[in-house]
Amino acid sequence: MTLDKDLLAILCCPETKQSLSMADSALVKKLNDVIARGTLTNIGKKPVAEALDGGLVRADGKILYPIRENIPVMLIEEGIPLEQVT
């Protein structure tokens, strides 16, 4: 999963305005494993039920914004706290 470099350059965290980078495939796989177990929640405290195609990781490494069907979901409440998978 990749995004256009120009698009990635202008995207930022909607909450903190930090830059974002593409999540590596190992992290996406780990998150999808947790999703399959039904134990992953987003910032909005709702369960994440749909598998991820990819993700954008905030510069501080604390939040991932999901990518589904090649579209980044840039809503604060849809962000996934990565502390759940470390």
Protein backbone atom coordinates (compact mmCIF):
# COMPACT_ATOMS: atom_id res chain seq x y z
CA MET A 1 0.00 0.00 0.00
CA THR A 2 1.42 3.35 -1.02
CA LEU A 3 0.13 6.86 -1.37
CA ASP A 4 1.19 9.48 -3.85
CA LYS A 5 4.25 11.30 -2.44
CA ASP A 6 2.68 14.71 -3.06
CA LEU A 7 -0.47 13.71 -1.16
CA LEU A 8 1.55 12.29 1.74
CA ALA A 9 3.58 15.51 1.90
CA ILE A 10 0.49 17.66 2.53
CA LEU A 11 -1.33 15.34 4.95
CA CYS A 12 -0.90 15.92 8.66
CA CYS A 13 -2.50 14.78 11.89
CA PRO A 14 -5.83 16.61 12.20
CA GLU A 15 -5.36 16.90 15.96
CA THR A 16 -1.70 17.88 16.45
CA LYS A 17 -0.66 18.85 12.89
CA GLN A 18 2.33 16.47 13.14
CA SER A 19 3.61 14.93 9.94
CA LEU A 20 2.58 11.42 8.93
CA SER A 21 4.42 8.50 7.38
CA MET A 22 3.26 5.25 5.85
CA ALA A 23 2.93 2.35 8.30
CA ASP A 24 5.07 -0.62 7.43
CA SER A 25 3.40 -3.87 6.43
CA ALA A 26 4.39 -5.60 9.69
CA LEU A 27 2.48 -3.00 11.75
CA VAL A 28 -0.58 -3.21 9.48
CA LYS A 29 -0.54 -7.01 9.80
CA LYS A 30 -0.27 -6.77 13.59
CA LEU A 31 -3.19 -4.33 13.71
CA ASN A 32 -5.30 -6.54 11.44
CA ASP A 33 -4.59 -9.49 13.74
CA VAL A 34 -5.87 -7.47 16.72
CA ILE A 35 -8.90 -6.35 14.68
CA ALA A 36 -9.68 -10.00 13.87
CA ARG A 37 -9.66 -10.76 17.62
CA GLY A 38 -12.15 -7.92 18.16
CA THR A 39 -10.07 -6.06 20.73
CA LEU A 40 -8.90 -2.94 18.86
CA THR A 41 -10.59 0.40 19.57
CA ASN A 42 -10.12 3.84 18.06
CA ILE A 43 -9.76 7.21 19.79
CA GLY A 44 -13.55 7.48 19.79
CA LYS A 45 -13.62 4.31 21.97
CA LYS A 46 -15.42 2.37 19.25
CA PRO A 47 -14.29 -1.09 18.12
CA VAL A 48 -12.37 -1.19 14.86
CA ALA A 49 -14.16 -3.89 12.86
CA GLU A 50 -12.83 -3.42 9.30
CA ALA A 51 -9.38 -4.66 8.31
CA LEU A 52 -6.91 -1.99 7.26
CA ASP A 53 -5.39 -1.70 3.79
CA GLY A 54 -2.66 0.49 5.26
CA GLY A 55 -2.15 3.32 7.68
CA LEU A 56 -0.51 6.66 8.34
CA VAL A 57 1.52 6.90 11.53
CA ARG A 58 1.81 10.21 13.35
CA ALA A 59 5.39 11.49 13.79
CA ASP A 60 5.38 10.71 17.53
CA GLY A 61 4.39 7.10 16.76
CA LYS A 62 1.34 7.18 19.04
CA ILE A 63 -1.55 7.25 16.54
CA LEU A 64 -2.29 5.54 13.23
CA TYR A 65 -4.90 6.86 10.81
CA PRO A 66 -6.38 3.99 8.79
CA ILE A 67 -6.33 3.69 5.03
CA ARG A 68 -9.26 1.83 3.52
CA GLU A 69 -9.81 1.34 -0.21
CA ASN A 70 -6.78 3.61 -0.84
CA ILE A 71 -8.41 6.49 1.06
CA PRO A 72 -6.84 7.85 4.26
CA VAL A 73 -9.43 8.30 7.02
CA MET A 74 -8.28 11.56 8.58
CA LEU A 75 -10.86 11.96 11.35
CA ILE A 76 -9.52 12.39 14.89
CA GLU A 77 -11.96 9.88 16.39
CA GLU A 78 -10.95 7.24 13.79
CA GLY A 79 -7.30 7.36 14.81
CA ILE A 80 -5.99 4.17 16.40
CA PRO A 81 -3.81 4.48 19.52
CA LEU A 82 -0.80 2.27 18.84
CA GLU A 83 -0.23 1.52 22.53
CA GLN A 84 -2.79 -1.26 22.04
CA VAL A 85 -0.41 -3.26 19.85
CA THR A 86 2.98 -2.74 21.44
